[in-house]
Amino acid sequence: MKGNISSKGARIYHMPGTKWYSRTKISERYGERWFCSEADARNAGWRRAR
């Protein structure tokens, strides 16, 4: 899963196969990151993309 930060600062994770997954780029220097599981993302305080 890809975790990115929106322009408003929201921490959002994208699941493989969802609309924006393939377009989402991860910039670690801005605090964005990869997650191994949905539980890892939620436990880190990120929310699922709508």
Protein backbone atom coordinates (compact mmCIF):
# COMPACT_ATOMS: atom_id res chain seq x y z
CA MET A 1 0.00 0.00 0.00
CA LYS A 2 1.07 3.52 -0.70
CA GLY A 3 0.74 6.20 1.93
CA ASN A 4 0.76 9.75 0.68
CA ILE A 5 0.04 13.12 2.24
CA SER A 6 -2.57 15.35 0.63
CA SER A 7 -2.06 19.05 -0.05
CA LYS A 8 -4.15 19.69 3.07
CA GLY A 9 -1.94 17.43 5.20
CA ALA A 10 -4.23 14.39 5.40
CA ARG A 11 -2.39 11.08 5.64
CA ILE A 12 -4.07 8.73 3.16
CA TYR A 13 -3.22 5.19 2.07
CA HIS A 14 -4.09 3.67 -1.29
CA MET A 15 -4.79 -0.03 -1.77
CA PRO A 16 -3.61 -1.89 -4.90
CA GLY A 17 -6.34 -1.95 -7.54
CA THR A 18 -8.02 1.27 -6.44
CA LYS A 19 -8.52 4.28 -8.71
CA TRP A 20 -5.51 6.35 -7.64
CA TYR A 21 -3.05 3.61 -6.68
CA SER A 22 -1.16 3.56 -9.98
CA ARG A 23 -0.97 7.36 -10.12
CA THR A 24 0.21 7.82 -6.55
CA LYS A 25 3.92 8.56 -6.17
CA ILE A 26 5.72 8.19 -2.85
CA SER A 27 8.05 10.99 -1.76
CA GLU A 28 9.80 9.80 1.39
CA ARG A 29 11.37 13.22 1.90
CA TYR A 30 7.84 14.59 2.52
CA GLY A 31 6.98 11.83 4.98
CA GLU A 32 5.14 9.59 2.55
CA ARG A 33 5.70 5.86 2.86
CA TRP A 34 4.86 2.29 1.93
CA PHE A 35 2.84 -0.03 4.17
CA CYS A 36 2.88 -3.84 4.28
CA SER A 37 -0.72 -4.14 5.45
CA GLU A 38 -3.85 -2.10 5.93
CA ALA A 39 -3.56 -2.68 9.67
CA ASP A 40 -0.04 -1.17 9.66
CA ALA A 41 -1.37 1.94 7.90
CA ARG A 42 -4.32 2.36 10.28
CA ASN A 43 -2.13 1.77 13.34
CA ALA A 44 0.22 4.50 12.10
CA GLY A 45 -2.73 6.94 11.93
CA TRP A 46 -3.38 6.95 8.20
CA ARG A 47 -6.87 6.67 6.65
CA ARG A 48 -8.02 4.75 3.59
CA ALA A 49 -8.59 6.73 0.39
CA ARG A 50 -12.23 7.46 -0.34
